[in-house]
């Protein structure tokens, strides 16, 4: 194979990856826990954009339950965001795993 061709392909792939990362920053996923009492909005770069807590769930005597609901929602949001990244990037790589690329 021609080295210039390979370099050009690598540059094109890098550009597509950067474009996809920018698109992922704009995509948002909404996750809830506790039957909608806690709602988390996260983007495709695992940045939490919003946390909503229903007033009914705020009770000092139920502090641990509230913490558990928030933790569950945040962890699920991160999991779904990572899954979104994997799906979008696999479109670029044809499903081939490229650790450290994203």
PDB file of N, CA and C in Angstrom:
ATOM      1  N   UNK A   1       0.826  -1.195   0.000  1.00  0.00           N
ATOM      2  CA  UNK A   1       0.000   0.000   0.000  1.00  0.00           C
ATOM      3  C   UNK A   1       0.863   1.247   0.000  1.00  0.00           C
ATOM      4  N   UNK A   2       0.324   2.252  -0.593  1.00  0.00           N
ATOM      5  CA  UNK A   2       0.992   3.541  -0.689  1.00  0.00           C
ATOM      6  C   UNK A   2       0.936   4.237   0.677  1.00  0.00           C
ATOM      7  N   UNK A   3       2.073   4.676   1.185  1.00  0.00           N
ATOM      8  CA  UNK A   3       2.158   5.338   2.489  1.00  0.00           C
ATOM      9  C   UNK A   3       1.367   6.639   2.501  1.00  0.00           C
ATOM     10  N   UNK A   4       1.391   7.398   1.405  1.00  0.00           N
ATOM     11  CA  UNK A   4       0.617   8.642   1.342  1.00  0.00           C
ATOM     12  C   UNK A   4      -0.876   8.350   1.484  1.00  0.00           C
ATOM     13  N   UNK A   5      -1.317   7.288   0.829  1.00  0.00           N
ATOM     14  CA  UNK A   5      -2.721   6.888   0.910  1.00  0.00           C
ATOM     15  C   UNK A   5      -3.096   6.553   2.352  1.00  0.00           C
ATOM     16  N   UNK A   6      -2.246   5.782   3.026  1.00  0.00           N
ATOM     17  CA  UNK A   6      -2.508   5.415   4.414  1.00  0.00           C
ATOM     18  C   UNK A   6      -2.549   6.638   5.325  1.00  0.00           C
ATOM     19  N   UNK A   7      -1.647   7.573   5.112  1.00  0.00           N
ATOM     20  CA  UNK A   7      -1.623   8.796   5.922  1.00  0.00           C
ATOM     21  C   UNK A   7      -2.892   9.608   5.684  1.00  0.00           C
ATOM     22  N   UNK A   8      -3.319   9.691   4.436  1.00  0.00           N
ATOM     23  CA  UNK A   8      -4.534  10.436   4.117  1.00  0.00           C
ATOM     24  C   UNK A   8      -5.745   9.773   4.772  1.00  0.00           C
ATOM     25  N   UNK A   9      -5.804   8.440   4.717  1.00  0.00           N
ATOM     26  CA  UNK A   9      -6.908   7.713   5.342  1.00  0.00           C
ATOM     27  C   UNK A   9      -6.927   7.961   6.853  1.00  0.00           C
ATOM     28  N   UNK A  10      -5.744   7.941   7.463  1.00  0.00           N
ATOM     29  CA  UNK A  10      -5.643   8.172   8.908  1.00  0.00           C
ATOM     30  C   UNK A  10      -6.106   9.582   9.263  1.00  0.00           C
ATOM     31  N   UNK A  11      -5.744  10.559   8.452  1.00  0.00           N
ATOM     32  CA  UNK A  11      -6.173  11.935   8.696  1.00  0.00           C
ATOM     33  C   UNK A  11      -7.681  12.075   8.544  1.00  0.00           C
ATOM     34  N   UNK A  12      -8.246  11.408   7.546  1.00  0.00           N
ATOM     35  CA  UNK A  12      -9.694  11.458   7.339  1.00  0.00           C
ATOM     36  C   UNK A  12     -10.422  10.805   8.516  1.00  0.00           C
ATOM     37  N   UNK A  13      -9.886   9.691   9.004  1.00  0.00           N
ATOM     38  CA  UNK A  13     -10.486   9.014  10.153  1.00  0.00           C
ATOM     39  C   UNK A  13     -10.424   9.904  11.386  1.00  0.00           C
ATOM     40  N   UNK A  14      -9.297  10.555  11.605  1.00  0.00           N
ATOM     41  CA  UNK A  14      -9.152  11.452  12.758  1.00  0.00           C
ATOM     42  C   UNK A  14     -10.154  12.594  12.673  1.00  0.00           C
ATOM     43  N   UNK A  15     -10.343  13.140  11.481  1.00  0.00           N
ATOM     44  CA  UNK A  15     -11.310  14.222  11.301  1.00  0.00           C
ATOM     45  C   UNK A  15     -12.727  13.734  11.614  1.00  0.00           C
ATOM     46  N   UNK A  16     -13.075  12.543  11.136  1.00  0.00           N
ATOM     47  CA  UNK A  16     -14.406  11.987  11.399  1.00  0.00           C
ATOM     48  C   UNK A  16     -14.598  11.728  12.887  1.00  0.00           C
ATOM     49  N   UNK A  17     -13.561  11.273  13.549  1.00  0.00           N
ATOM     50  CA  UNK A  17     -13.642  11.032  14.992  1.00  0.00           C
ATOM     51  C   UNK A  17     -13.892  12.339  15.732  1.00  0.00           C
ATOM     52  N   UNK A  18     -13.169  13.384  15.371  1.00  0.00           N
ATOM     53  CA  UNK A  18     -13.357  14.685  16.017  1.00  0.00           C
ATOM     54  C   UNK A  18     -14.766  15.223  15.765  1.00  0.00           C
ATOM     55  N   UNK A  19     -15.269  15.053  14.549  1.00  0.00           N
ATOM     56  CA  UNK A  19     -16.636  15.495  14.234  1.00  0.00           C
ATOM     57  C   UNK A  19     -17.655  14.721  15.059  1.00  0.00           C
ATOM     58  N   UNK A  20     -17.438  13.420  15.190  1.00  0.00           N
ATOM     59  CA  UNK A  20     -18.354  12.588  15.970  1.00  0.00           C
ATOM     60  C   UNK A  20     -18.312  12.978  17.443  1.00  0.00           C
ATOM     61  N   UNK A  21     -17.132  13.264  17.972  1.00  0.00           N
ATOM     62  CA  UNK A  21     -17.019  13.712  19.364  1.00  0.00           C
ATOM     63  C   UNK A  21     -17.799  15.013  19.580  1.00  0.00           C
ATOM     64  N   UNK A  22     -17.705  15.927  18.624  1.00  0.00           N
ATOM     65  CA  UNK A  22     -18.439  17.185  18.730  1.00  0.00           C
ATOM     66  C   UNK A  22     -19.947  16.937  18.693  1.00  0.00           C
ATOM     67  N   UNK A  23     -20.364  16.015  17.838  1.00  0.00           N
ATOM     68  CA  UNK A  23     -21.792  15.667  17.766  1.00  0.00           C
ATOM     69  C   UNK A  23     -22.247  15.022  19.068  1.00  0.00           C
ATOM     70  N   UNK A  24     -21.426  14.160  19.650  1.00  0.00           N
ATOM     71  CA  UNK A  24     -21.774  13.498  20.901  1.00  0.00           C
ATOM     72  C   UNK A  24     -21.929  14.494  22.042  1.00  0.00           C
ATOM     73  N   UNK A  25     -21.161  15.568  22.007  1.00  0.00           N
ATOM     74  CA  UNK A  25     -21.278  16.597  23.044  1.00  0.00           C
ATOM     75  C   UNK A  25     -22.651  17.259  22.999  1.00  0.00           C
ATOM     76  N   UNK A  26     -23.280  17.246  21.828  1.00  0.00           N
ATOM     77  CA  UNK A  26     -24.589  17.872  21.659  1.00  0.00           C
ATOM     78  C   UNK A  26     -25.747  16.911  21.949  1.00  0.00           C
ATOM     79  N   UNK A  27     -25.486  15.619  21.896  1.00  0.00           N
ATOM     80  CA  UNK A  27     -26.547  14.635  22.137  1.00  0.00           C
ATOM     81  C   UNK A  27     -26.767  14.482  23.634  1.00  0.00           C
ATOM     82  N   UNK A  28     -28.021  14.423  24.021  1.00  0.00           N
ATOM     83  CA  UNK A  28     -28.351  14.285  25.435  1.00  0.00           C
ATOM     84  C   UNK A  28     -29.219  13.048  25.678  1.00  0.00           C
ATOM     85  N   UNK A  29     -28.988  12.454  26.809  1.00  0.00           N
ATOM     86  CA  UNK A  29     -29.748  11.289  27.249  1.00  0.00           C
ATOM     87  C   UNK A  29     -30.394  11.668  28.569  1.00  0.00           C
ATOM     88  N   UNK A  30     -31.675  11.351  28.713  1.00  0.00           N
ATOM     89  CA  UNK A  30     -32.394  11.620  29.952  1.00  0.00           C
ATOM     90  C   UNK A  30     -32.651  10.286  30.650  1.00  0.00           C
ATOM     91  N   UNK A  31     -32.250  10.197  31.915  1.00  0.00           N
ATOM     92  CA  UNK A  31     -32.391   8.982  32.701  1.00  0.00           C
ATOM     93  C   UNK A  31     -33.092   9.349  34.005  1.00  0.00           C
ATOM     94  N   UNK A  32     -33.927   8.445  34.503  1.00  0.00           N
ATOM     95  CA  UNK A  32     -34.579   8.715  35.782  1.00  0.00           C
ATOM     96  C   UNK A  32     -34.485   7.503  36.688  1.00  0.00           C
ATOM     97  N   UNK A  33     -34.690   7.739  37.969  1.00  0.00           N
ATOM     98  CA  UNK A  33     -34.767   6.656  38.942  1.00  0.00           C
ATOM     99  C   UNK A  33     -35.868   7.010  39.930  1.00  0.00           C
ATOM    100  N   UNK A  34     -36.261   6.017  40.707  1.00  0.00           N
ATOM    101  CA  UNK A  34     -37.316   6.251  41.686  1.00  0.00           C
ATOM    102  C   UNK A  34     -38.636   6.603  41.034  1.00  0.00           C
ATOM    103  N   UNK A  35     -38.911   5.991  39.892  1.00  0.00           N
ATOM    104  CA  UNK A  35     -40.175   6.276  39.217  1.00  0.00           C
ATOM    105  C   UNK A  35     -40.278   7.707  38.731  1.00  0.00           C
ATOM    106  N   UNK A  36     -39.137   8.292  38.379  1.00  0.00           N
ATOM    107  CA  UNK A  36     -39.128   9.655  37.863  1.00  0.00           C
ATOM    108  C   UNK A  36     -38.880  10.710  38.932  1.00  0.00           C
ATOM    109  N   UNK A  37     -38.618  10.278  40.145  1.00  0.00           N
ATOM    110  CA  UNK A  37     -38.372  11.247  41.229  1.00  0.00           C
ATOM    111  C   UNK A  37     -37.026  11.957  41.044  1.00  0.00           C
ATOM    112  N   UNK A  38     -36.081  11.259  40.442  1.00  0.00           N
ATOM    113  CA  UNK A  38     -34.766  11.829  40.131  1.00  0.00           C
ATOM    114  C   UNK A  38     -34.587  11.737  38.628  1.00  0.00           C
ATOM    115  N   UNK A  39     -34.148  12.829  38.015  1.00  0.00           N
ATOM    116  CA  UNK A  39     -33.923  12.837  36.572  1.00  0.00           C
ATOM    117  C   UNK A  39     -32.550  13.449  36.291  1.00  0.00           C
ATOM    118  N   UNK A  40     -31.791  12.741  35.470  1.00  0.00           N
ATOM    119  CA  UNK A  40     -30.442  13.172  35.099  1.00  0.00           C
ATOM    120  C   UNK A  40     -30.401  13.357  33.587  1.00  0.00           C
ATOM    121  N   UNK A  41     -29.772  14.442  33.140  1.00  0.00           N
ATOM    122  CA  UNK A  41     -29.519  14.646  31.717  1.00  0.00           C
ATOM    123  C   UNK A  41     -28.005  14.649  31.550  1.00  0.00           C
ATOM    124  N   UNK A  42     -27.529  13.797  30.633  1.00  0.00           N
ATOM    125  CA  UNK A  42     -26.097  13.651  30.391  1.00  0.00           C
ATOM    126  C   UNK A  42     -25.857  13.736  28.889  1.00  0.00           C
ATOM    127  N   UNK A  43     -24.676  14.202  28.496  1.00  0.00           N
ATOM    128  CA  UNK A  43     -24.379  14.235  27.062  1.00  0.00           C
ATOM    129  C   UNK A  43     -23.472  13.070  26.691  1.00  0.00           C
ATOM    130  N   UNK A  44     -23.110  13.005  25.423  1.00  0.00           N
ATOM    131  CA  UNK A  44     -22.287  11.918  24.917  1.00  0.00           C
ATOM    132  C   UNK A  44     -20.825  12.008  25.305  1.00  0.00           C
ATOM    133  N   UNK A  45     -20.480  12.980  26.141  1.00  0.00           N
ATOM    134  CA  UNK A  45     -19.116  13.070  26.659  1.00  0.00           C
ATOM    135  C   UNK A  45     -19.096  12.838  28.170  1.00  0.00           C
ATOM    136  N   UNK A  46     -20.142  12.192  28.656  1.00  0.00           N
ATOM    137  CA  UNK A  46     -20.312  11.875  30.066  1.00  0.00           C
ATOM    138  C   UNK A  46     -20.292  13.105  30.972  1.00  0.00           C
ATOM    139  N   UNK A  47     -20.803  14.217  30.462  1.00  0.00           N
ATOM    140  CA  UNK A  47     -20.950  15.421  31.272  1.00  0.00           C
ATOM    141  C   UNK A  47     -22.397  15.509  31.728  1.00  0.00           C
ATOM    142  N   UNK A  48     -22.594  15.570  33.044  1.00  0.00           N
ATOM    143  CA  UNK A  48     -23.940  15.733  33.591  1.00  0.00           C
ATOM    144  C   UNK A  48     -24.363  17.171  33.312  1.00  0.00           C
ATOM    145  N   UNK A  49     -25.486  17.312  32.610  1.00  0.00           N
ATOM    146  CA  UNK A  49     -25.962  18.637  32.216  1.00  0.00           C
ATOM    147  C   UNK A  49     -27.056  19.154  33.147  1.00  0.00           C
ATOM    148  N   UNK A  50     -27.784  18.229  33.763  1.00  0.00           N
ATOM    149  CA  UNK A  50     -28.912  18.647  34.587  1.00  0.00           C
ATOM    150  C   UNK A  50     -29.278  17.538  35.566  1.00  0.00           C
ATOM    151  N   UNK A  51     -29.662  17.941  36.764  1.00  0.00           N
ATOM    152  CA  UNK A  51     -30.199  17.016  37.756  1.00  0.00           C
ATOM    153  C   UNK A  51     -31.481  17.645  38.290  1.00  0.00           C
ATOM    154  N   UNK A  52     -32.573  16.875  38.221  1.00  0.00           N
ATOM    155  CA  UNK A  52     -33.848  17.348  38.765  1.00  0.00           C
ATOM    156  C   UNK A  52     -34.273  16.382  39.867  1.00  0.00           C
ATOM    157  N   UNK A  53     -34.730  16.964  40.957  1.00  0.00           N
ATOM    158  CA  UNK A  53     -35.198  16.180  42.090  1.00  0.00           C
ATOM    159  C   UNK A  53     -36.604  16.647  42.438  1.00  0.00           C
ATOM    160  N   UNK A  54     -37.544  15.720  42.422  1.00  0.00           N
ATOM    161  CA  UNK A  54     -38.915  16.048  42.797  1.00  0.00           C
ATOM    162  C   UNK A  54     -38.949  16.419  44.279  1.00  0.00           C
ATOM    163  N   UNK A  55     -39.633  17.489  44.637  1.00  0.00           N
ATOM    164  CA  UNK A  55     -39.679  17.927  46.043  1.00  0.00           C
ATOM    165  C   UNK A  55     -40.182  16.848  47.009  1.00  0.00           C
ATOM    166  N   UNK A  56     -41.066  15.973  46.528  1.00  0.00           N
ATOM    167  CA  UNK A  56     -41.626  14.934  47.404  1.00  0.00           C
ATOM    168  C   UNK A  56     -40.574  13.978  47.946  1.00  0.00           C
ATOM    169  N   UNK A  57     -39.470  13.831  47.232  1.00  0.00           N
ATOM    170  CA  UNK A  57     -38.447  12.869  47.644  1.00  0.00           C
ATOM    171  C   UNK A  57     -37.437  13.504  48.610  1.00  0.00           C
ATOM    172  N   UNK A  58     -37.523  14.806  48.798  1.00  0.00           N
ATOM    173  CA  UNK A  58     -36.588  15.497  49.690  1.00  0.00           C
ATOM    174  C   UNK A  58     -37.136  15.438  51.118  1.00  0.00           C
ATOM    175  N   UNK A  59     -36.506  14.613  51.925  1.00  0.00           N
ATOM    176  CA  UNK A  59     -36.916  14.405  53.308  1.00  0.00           C
ATOM    177  C   UNK A  59     -35.654  14.052  54.077  1.00  0.00           C
ATOM    178  N   UNK A  60     -35.300  14.869  55.049  1.00  0.00           N
ATOM    179  CA  UNK A  60     -34.065  14.657  55.804  1.00  0.00           C
ATOM    180  C   UNK A  60     -34.010  13.265  56.429  1.00  0.00           C
ATOM    181  N   UNK A  61     -35.139  12.715  56.806  1.00  0.00           N
ATOM    182  CA  UNK A  61     -35.142  11.389  57.423  1.00  0.00           C
ATOM    183  C   UNK A  61     -34.919  10.279  56.391  1.00  0.00           C
ATOM    184  N   UNK A  62     -35.043  10.628  55.099  1.00  0.00           N
ATOM    185  CA  UNK A  62     -34.846   9.665  54.007  1.00  0.00           C
ATOM    186  C   UNK A  62     -33.603   9.996  53.178  1.00  0.00           C
ATOM    187  N   UNK A  63     -32.643  10.621  53.822  1.00  0.00           N
ATOM    188  CA  UNK A  63     -31.425  11.078  53.149  1.00  0.00           C
ATOM    189  C   UNK A  63     -30.730   9.953  52.374  1.00  0.00           C
ATOM    190  N   UNK A  64     -30.573   8.780  52.985  1.00  0.00           N
ATOM    191  CA  UNK A  64     -29.885   7.671  52.324  1.00  0.00           C
ATOM    192  C   UNK A  64     -30.633   7.205  51.079  1.00  0.00           C
ATOM    193  N   UNK A  65     -31.961   7.197  51.134  1.00  0.00           N
ATOM    194  CA  UNK A  65     -32.745   6.792  49.970  1.00  0.00           C
ATOM    195  C   UNK A  65     -32.524   7.779  48.821  1.00  0.00           C
ATOM    196  N   UNK A  66     -32.524   9.070  49.133  1.00  0.00           N
ATOM    197  CA  UNK A  66     -32.299  10.088  48.106  1.00  0.00           C
ATOM    198  C   UNK A  66     -30.917   9.924  47.493  1.00  0.00           C
ATOM    199  N   UNK A  67     -29.922   9.706  48.332  1.00  0.00           N
ATOM    200  CA  UNK A  67     -28.562   9.500  47.827  1.00  0.00           C
ATOM    201  C   UNK A  67     -28.495   8.276  46.913  1.00  0.00           C
ATOM    202  N   UNK A  68     -29.165   7.199  47.304  1.00  0.00           N
ATOM    203  CA  UNK A  68     -29.182   5.979  46.483  1.00  0.00           C
ATOM    204  C   UNK A  68     -29.862   6.221  45.140  1.00  0.00           C
ATOM    205  N   UNK A  69     -30.966   6.972  45.140  1.00  0.00           N
ATOM    206  CA  UNK A  69     -31.679   7.274  43.894  1.00  0.00           C
ATOM    207  C   UNK A  69     -30.810   8.111  42.955  1.00  0.00           C
ATOM    208  N   UNK A  70     -30.123   9.094  43.514  1.00  0.00           N
ATOM    209  CA  UNK A  70     -29.243   9.945  42.699  1.00  0.00           C
ATOM    210  C   UNK A  70     -28.091   9.115  42.146  1.00  0.00           C
ATOM    211  N   UNK A  71     -27.494   8.307  42.988  1.00  0.00           N
ATOM    212  CA  UNK A  71     -26.378   7.456  42.561  1.00  0.00           C
ATOM    213  C   UNK A  71     -26.817   6.505  41.446  1.00  0.00           C
ATOM    214  N   UNK A  72     -27.975   5.886  41.609  1.00  0.00           N
ATOM    215  CA  UNK A  72     -28.480   4.968  40.581  1.00  0.00           C
ATOM    216  C   UNK A  72     -28.706   5.701  39.260  1.00  0.00           C
ATOM    217  N   UNK A  73     -29.282   6.886  39.312  1.00  0.00           N
ATOM    218  CA  UNK A  73     -29.563   7.648  38.088  1.00  0.00           C
ATOM    219  C   UNK A  73     -28.272   8.093  37.408  1.00  0.00           C
ATOM    220  N   UNK A  74     -27.310   8.568  38.182  1.00  0.00           N
ATOM    221  CA  UNK A  74     -26.040   9.017  37.604  1.00  0.00           C
ATOM    222  C   UNK A  74     -25.302   7.851  36.959  1.00  0.00           C
ATOM    223  N   UNK A  75     -25.229   6.726  37.653  1.00  0.00           N
ATOM    224  CA  UNK A  75     -24.531   5.565  37.088  1.00  0.00           C
ATOM    225  C   UNK A  75     -25.200   5.061  35.816  1.00  0.00           C
ATOM    226  N   UNK A  76     -26.519   5.044  35.786  1.00  0.00           N
ATOM    227  CA  UNK A  76     -27.237   4.610  34.589  1.00  0.00           C
ATOM    228  C   UNK A  76     -27.026   5.613  33.453  1.00  0.00           C
ATOM    229  N   UNK A  77     -27.014   6.899  33.779  1.00  0.00           N
ATOM    230  CA  UNK A  77     -26.779   7.918  32.756  1.00  0.00           C
ATOM    231  C   UNK A  77     -25.393   7.748  32.134  1.00  0.00           C
ATOM    232  N   UNK A  78     -24.396   7.527  32.965  1.00  0.00           N
ATOM    233  CA  UNK A  78     -23.032   7.322  32.455  1.00  0.00           C
ATOM    234  C   UNK A  78     -22.974   6.068  31.591  1.00  0.00           C
ATOM    235  N   UNK A  79     -23.617   4.986  32.034  1.00  0.00           N
ATOM    236  CA  UNK A  79     -23.617   3.745  31.263  1.00  0.00           C
ATOM    237  C   UNK A  79     -24.247   3.968  29.888  1.00  0.00           C
ATOM    238  N   UNK A  80     -25.390   4.654  29.857  1.00  0.00           N
ATOM    239  CA  UNK A  80     -26.062   4.890  28.580  1.00  0.00           C
ATOM    240  C   UNK A  80     -25.262   5.828  27.687  1.00  0.00           C
ATOM    241  N   UNK A  81     -24.604   6.808  28.288  1.00  0.00           N
ATOM    242  CA  UNK A  81     -23.777   7.728  27.506  1.00  0.00           C
ATOM    243  C   UNK A  81     -22.599   6.990  26.877  1.00  0.00           C
ATOM    244  N   UNK A  82     -21.960   6.118  27.634  1.00  0.00           N
ATOM    245  CA  UNK A  82     -20.838   5.336  27.093  1.00  0.00           C
ATOM    246  C   UNK A  82     -21.315   4.413  25.981  1.00  0.00           C
ATOM    247  N   UNK A  83     -22.502   3.851  26.155  1.00  0.00           N
ATOM    248  CA  UNK A  83     -23.072   2.982  25.123  1.00  0.00           C
ATOM    249  C   UNK A  83     -23.317   3.778  23.835  1.00  0.00           C
ATOM    250  N   UNK A  84     -23.807   5.004  23.979  1.00  0.00           N
ATOM    251  CA  UNK A  84     -24.022   5.877  22.827  1.00  0.00           C
ATOM    252  C   UNK A  84     -22.700   6.141  22.109  1.00  0.00           C
ATOM    253  N   UNK A  85     -21.656   6.427  22.856  1.00  0.00           N
ATOM    254  CA  UNK A  85     -20.333   6.671  22.269  1.00  0.00           C
ATOM    255  C   UNK A  85     -19.863   5.439  21.511  1.00  0.00           C
ATOM    256  N   UNK A  86     -20.002   4.278  22.119  1.00  0.00           N
ATOM    257  CA  UNK A  86     -19.574   3.037  21.476  1.00  0.00           C
ATOM    258  C   UNK A  86     -20.327   2.821  20.168  1.00  0.00           C
ATOM    259  N   UNK A  87     -21.635   3.050  20.178  1.00  0.00           N
ATOM    260  CA  UNK A  87     -22.437   2.876  18.969  1.00  0.00           C
ATOM    261  C   UNK A  87     -22.008   3.848  17.875  1.00  0.00           C
ATOM    262  N   UNK A  88     -21.831   5.104  18.237  1.00  0.00           N
ATOM    263  CA  UNK A  88     -21.469   6.110  17.236  1.00  0.00           C
ATOM    264  C   UNK A  88     -20.076   5.869  16.668  1.00  0.00           C
ATOM    265  N   UNK A  89     -19.132   5.514  17.524  1.00  0.00           N
ATOM    266  CA  UNK A  89     -17.762   5.302  17.062  1.00  0.00           C
ATOM    267  C   UNK A  89     -17.641   4.011  16.254  1.00  0.00           C
ATOM    268  N   UNK A  90     -18.452   3.003  16.586  1.00  0.00           N
ATOM    269  CA  UNK A  90     -18.371   1.759  15.820  1.00  0.00           C
ATOM    270  C   UNK A  90     -18.851   1.970  14.389  1.00  0.00           C
ATOM    271  N   UNK A  91     -19.658   2.993  14.172  1.00  0.00           N
ATOM    272  CA  UNK A  91     -20.063   3.329  12.810  1.00  0.00           C
ATOM    273  C   UNK A  91     -18.847   3.766  11.989  1.00  0.00           C
ATOM    274  N   UNK A  92     -17.898   4.415  12.656  1.00  0.00           N
ATOM    275  CA  UNK A  92     -16.684   4.884  11.969  1.00  0.00           C
ATOM    276  C   UNK A  92     -15.677   3.766  11.746  1.00  0.00           C
ATOM    277  N   UNK A  93     -15.620   2.856  12.705  1.00  0.00           N
ATOM    278  CA  UNK A  93     -14.578   1.830  12.650  1.00  0.00           C
ATOM    279  C   UNK A  93     -15.084   0.509  12.094  1.00  0.00           C
ATOM    280  N   UNK A  94     -16.332   0.480  11.685  1.00  0.00           N
ATOM    281  CA  UNK A  94     -16.897  -0.753  11.151  1.00  0.00           C
ATOM    282  C   UNK A  94     -17.040  -1.838  12.201  1.00  0.00           C
ATOM    283  N   UNK A  95     -17.183  -1.416  13.456  1.00  0.00           N
ATOM    284  CA  UNK A  95     -17.363  -2.374  14.544  1.00  0.00           C
ATOM    285  C   UNK A  95     -16.075  -2.874  15.153  1.00  0.00           C
ATOM    286  N   UNK A  96     -14.947  -2.462  14.608  1.00  0.00           N
ATOM    287  CA  UNK A  96     -13.653  -2.895  15.140  1.00  0.00           C
ATOM    288  C   UNK A  96     -13.342  -2.069  16.387  1.00  0.00           C
ATOM    289  N   UNK A  97     -13.027  -2.741  17.473  1.00  0.00           N
ATOM    290  CA  UNK A  97     -12.696  -2.061  18.720  1.00  0.00           C
ATOM    291  C   UNK A  97     -11.300  -1.461  18.614  1.00  0.00           C
ATOM    292  N   UNK A  98     -11.206  -0.180  18.945  1.00  0.00           N
ATOM    293  CA  UNK A  98      -9.912   0.506  18.908  1.00  0.00           C
ATOM    294  C   UNK A  98      -9.709   1.192  20.250  1.00  0.00           C
ATOM    295  N   UNK A  99      -9.245   0.447  21.270  1.00  0.00           N
ATOM    296  CA  UNK A  99      -9.066   0.992  22.605  1.00  0.00           C
ATOM    297  C   UNK A  99      -8.199   2.250  22.600  1.00  0.00           C
ATOM    298  N   UNK A 100      -8.632   3.219  23.405  1.00  0.00           N
ATOM    299  CA  UNK A 100      -7.871   4.451  23.538  1.00  0.00           C
ATOM    300  C   UNK A 100      -8.143   5.466  22.441  1.00  0.00           C
ATOM    301  N   UNK A 101      -8.904   5.076  21.444  1.00  0.00           N
ATOM    302  CA  UNK A 101      -9.183   5.987  20.324  1.00  0.00           C
ATOM    303  C   UNK A 101     -10.237   7.010  20.695  1.00  0.00           C
ATOM    304  N   UNK A 102     -11.162   6.638  21.540  1.00  0.00           N
ATOM    305  CA  UNK A 102     -12.265   7.536  21.900  1.00  0.00           C
ATOM    306  C   UNK A 102     -12.165   7.950  23.332  1.00  0.00           C
TER     307      UNK A 102
END
